[in-house]
């Protein structure tokens, strides 16, 4: 508010989540994306259609972002630029794969 008054500029409300998605739309050129929004306290499946964002699902008590933050802290990864990004960079360097006890099957409708 102070900067708005100092520079005589209007103050514009911005939805933090939507700003992240809009940046992704600009970078990728996606017209109607469906995204998994993962933030510190939010995890939502959001889709964009007909000039509106619609939330298809969200967690109430388990945020994937908090999980990634905590994991990065435990293995002593930096927060700069972001824990999730640093985890991804480490994963790209991985050479040893661990078999999981189950298989995720993809269902497609054609």
C-alpha atoms as a PDB file:
ATOM      1  CA  UNK A   1       0.000   0.000   0.000  1.00  0.00           C
ATOM      2  CA  UNK A   2       2.843   2.354   0.855  1.00  0.00           C
ATOM      3  CA  UNK A   3       4.473   1.924  -2.591  1.00  0.00           C
ATOM      4  CA  UNK A   4       1.119   2.494  -4.266  1.00  0.00           C
ATOM      5  CA  UNK A   5       0.718   5.763  -2.406  1.00  0.00           C
ATOM      6  CA  UNK A   6       4.346   6.850  -2.868  1.00  0.00           C
ATOM      7  CA  UNK A   7       4.301   6.341  -6.621  1.00  0.00           C
ATOM      8  CA  UNK A   8       0.651   7.298  -7.096  1.00  0.00           C
ATOM      9  CA  UNK A   9      -0.111   3.953  -8.733  1.00  0.00           C
ATOM     10  CA  UNK A  10      -3.253   1.868  -8.293  1.00  0.00           C
ATOM     11  CA  UNK A  11      -3.074  -1.175  -6.057  1.00  0.00           C
ATOM     12  CA  UNK A  12      -4.123  -4.364  -7.831  1.00  0.00           C
ATOM     13  CA  UNK A  13      -5.130  -7.534  -6.014  1.00  0.00           C
ATOM     14  CA  UNK A  14      -3.357 -10.667  -7.283  1.00  0.00           C
ATOM     15  CA  UNK A  15      -4.165 -14.286  -6.510  1.00  0.00           C
ATOM     16  CA  UNK A  16      -0.778 -15.903  -5.816  1.00  0.00           C
ATOM     17  CA  UNK A  17      -1.848 -19.338  -7.094  1.00  0.00           C
ATOM     18  CA  UNK A  18      -3.351 -17.956 -10.301  1.00  0.00           C
ATOM     19  CA  UNK A  19      -0.213 -15.875 -10.913  1.00  0.00           C
ATOM     20  CA  UNK A  20       1.906 -19.055 -10.890  1.00  0.00           C
ATOM     21  CA  UNK A  21      -0.453 -20.797 -13.319  1.00  0.00           C
ATOM     22  CA  UNK A  22      -0.597 -17.762 -15.607  1.00  0.00           C
ATOM     23  CA  UNK A  23       3.213 -17.656 -15.771  1.00  0.00           C
ATOM     24  CA  UNK A  24       3.155 -21.323 -16.794  1.00  0.00           C
ATOM     25  CA  UNK A  25       0.542 -20.613 -19.472  1.00  0.00           C
ATOM     26  CA  UNK A  26       2.707 -17.811 -20.887  1.00  0.00           C
ATOM     27  CA  UNK A  27       5.868 -19.942 -20.933  1.00  0.00           C
ATOM     28  CA  UNK A  28       4.256 -23.074 -22.405  1.00  0.00           C
ATOM     29  CA  UNK A  29       1.577 -21.524 -24.596  1.00  0.00           C
ATOM     30  CA  UNK A  30      -1.011 -23.879 -23.058  1.00  0.00           C
ATOM     31  CA  UNK A  31      -4.509 -22.590 -23.771  1.00  0.00           C
ATOM     32  CA  UNK A  32      -6.543 -24.641 -21.278  1.00  0.00           C
ATOM     33  CA  UNK A  33      -4.127 -26.332 -18.873  1.00  0.00           C
ATOM     34  CA  UNK A  34      -4.937 -28.755 -16.099  1.00  0.00           C
ATOM     35  CA  UNK A  35      -2.312 -28.389 -13.391  1.00  0.00           C
ATOM     36  CA  UNK A  36      -1.279 -29.896 -10.101  1.00  0.00           C
ATOM     37  CA  UNK A  37      -0.634 -26.788  -8.030  1.00  0.00           C
ATOM     38  CA  UNK A  38       1.833 -27.666  -5.290  1.00  0.00           C
ATOM     39  CA  UNK A  39       2.658 -24.963  -2.792  1.00  0.00           C
ATOM     40  CA  UNK A  40       3.741 -24.972   0.832  1.00  0.00           C
ATOM     41  CA  UNK A  41       0.216 -25.131   2.185  1.00  0.00           C
ATOM     42  CA  UNK A  42      -1.850 -25.928  -0.899  1.00  0.00           C
ATOM     43  CA  UNK A  43      -2.232 -28.909  -3.192  1.00  0.00           C
ATOM     44  CA  UNK A  44      -4.926 -28.545  -5.815  1.00  0.00           C
ATOM     45  CA  UNK A  45      -5.883 -29.978  -9.190  1.00  0.00           C
ATOM     46  CA  UNK A  46      -6.955 -26.943 -11.196  1.00  0.00           C
ATOM     47  CA  UNK A  47      -8.173 -26.643 -14.765  1.00  0.00           C
ATOM     48  CA  UNK A  48      -8.656 -23.566 -16.925  1.00  0.00           C
ATOM     49  CA  UNK A  49     -11.604 -23.443 -19.302  1.00  0.00           C
ATOM     50  CA  UNK A  50     -13.911 -20.754 -20.661  1.00  0.00           C
ATOM     51  CA  UNK A  51     -11.857 -17.981 -19.010  1.00  0.00           C
ATOM     52  CA  UNK A  52     -12.280 -19.466 -15.516  1.00  0.00           C
ATOM     53  CA  UNK A  53     -10.210 -21.584 -13.175  1.00  0.00           C
ATOM     54  CA  UNK A  54     -11.969 -24.567 -11.665  1.00  0.00           C
ATOM     55  CA  UNK A  55     -10.674 -26.586  -8.719  1.00  0.00           C
ATOM     56  CA  UNK A  56     -11.312 -30.294  -9.260  1.00  0.00           C
ATOM     57  CA  UNK A  57      -9.786 -31.420  -5.994  1.00  0.00           C
ATOM     58  CA  UNK A  58      -7.633 -30.248  -3.126  1.00  0.00           C
ATOM     59  CA  UNK A  59      -6.105 -31.597   0.030  1.00  0.00           C
ATOM     60  CA  UNK A  60      -7.362 -30.493   3.403  1.00  0.00           C
ATOM     61  CA  UNK A  61      -4.615 -31.638   5.742  1.00  0.00           C
ATOM     62  CA  UNK A  62      -1.740 -32.946   3.603  1.00  0.00           C
ATOM     63  CA  UNK A  63       0.121 -30.467   1.432  1.00  0.00           C
ATOM     64  CA  UNK A  64       2.614 -31.950  -1.024  1.00  0.00           C
ATOM     65  CA  UNK A  65       4.621 -28.723  -0.889  1.00  0.00           C
ATOM     66  CA  UNK A  66       5.133 -29.081   2.873  1.00  0.00           C
ATOM     67  CA  UNK A  67       6.210 -32.689   2.334  1.00  0.00           C
ATOM     68  CA  UNK A  68       8.827 -31.611  -0.240  1.00  0.00           C
ATOM     69  CA  UNK A  69      10.026 -28.767   1.993  1.00  0.00           C
ATOM     70  CA  UNK A  70      10.472 -31.101   4.947  1.00  0.00           C
ATOM     71  CA  UNK A  71      12.214 -33.772   2.854  1.00  0.00           C
ATOM     72  CA  UNK A  72      14.663 -31.183   1.457  1.00  0.00           C
ATOM     73  CA  UNK A  73      15.410 -29.932   4.962  1.00  0.00           C
ATOM     74  CA  UNK A  74      16.065 -33.476   6.248  1.00  0.00           C
ATOM     75  CA  UNK A  75      18.525 -34.274   3.453  1.00  0.00           C
ATOM     76  CA  UNK A  76      20.012 -30.776   3.824  1.00  0.00           C
ATOM     77  CA  UNK A  77      19.158 -29.375   0.394  1.00  0.00           C
ATOM     78  CA  UNK A  78      19.165 -25.618  -0.086  1.00  0.00           C
ATOM     79  CA  UNK A  79      15.970 -23.579  -0.267  1.00  0.00           C
ATOM     80  CA  UNK A  80      17.544 -21.537  -3.076  1.00  0.00           C
ATOM     81  CA  UNK A  81      15.847 -21.259  -5.521  1.00  0.00           C
ATOM     82  CA  UNK A  82      13.249 -23.733  -4.176  1.00  0.00           C
ATOM     83  CA  UNK A  83      13.274 -27.104  -2.380  1.00  0.00           C
ATOM     84  CA  UNK A  84      11.161 -28.829  -5.045  1.00  0.00           C
ATOM     85  CA  UNK A  85      13.459 -27.640  -7.813  1.00  0.00           C
ATOM     86  CA  UNK A  86      16.546 -28.846  -5.938  1.00  0.00           C
ATOM     87  CA  UNK A  87      14.966 -32.255  -5.296  1.00  0.00           C
ATOM     88  CA  UNK A  88      14.200 -32.534  -9.021  1.00  0.00           C
ATOM     89  CA  UNK A  89      17.795 -31.690  -9.953  1.00  0.00           C
ATOM     90  CA  UNK A  90      19.098 -34.391  -7.598  1.00  0.00           C
ATOM     91  CA  UNK A  91      16.616 -36.899  -9.026  1.00  0.00           C
ATOM     92  CA  UNK A  92      17.835 -36.201 -12.575  1.00  0.00           C
ATOM     93  CA  UNK A  93      21.332 -37.265 -11.501  1.00  0.00           C
ATOM     94  CA  UNK A  94      20.066 -40.565 -10.090  1.00  0.00           C
ATOM     95  CA  UNK A  95      21.425 -43.839 -11.468  1.00  0.00           C
ATOM     96  CA  UNK A  96      19.958 -46.352  -9.027  1.00  0.00           C
ATOM     97  CA  UNK A  97      16.278 -47.164  -9.278  1.00  0.00           C
ATOM     98  CA  UNK A  98      14.413 -48.867  -6.456  1.00  0.00           C
ATOM     99  CA  UNK A  99      11.591 -51.261  -7.380  1.00  0.00           C
ATOM    100  CA  UNK A 100       8.316 -50.230  -5.805  1.00  0.00           C
ATOM    101  CA  UNK A 101       5.889 -52.740  -4.282  1.00  0.00           C
ATOM    102  CA  UNK A 102       3.086 -51.836  -6.690  1.00  0.00           C
ATOM    103  CA  UNK A 103       2.483 -50.681 -10.238  1.00  0.00           C
ATOM    104  CA  UNK A 104       0.447 -47.633 -11.176  1.00  0.00           C
ATOM    105  CA  UNK A 105      -1.723 -48.446 -14.160  1.00  0.00           C
ATOM    106  CA  UNK A 106      -2.852 -45.737 -16.532  1.00  0.00           C
ATOM    107  CA  UNK A 107      -6.395 -45.862 -17.826  1.00  0.00           C
ATOM    108  CA  UNK A 108      -7.013 -44.116 -21.113  1.00  0.00           C
ATOM    109  CA  UNK A 109     -10.276 -43.459 -22.858  1.00  0.00           C
ATOM    110  CA  UNK A 110     -10.096 -43.223 -26.623  1.00  0.00           C
END
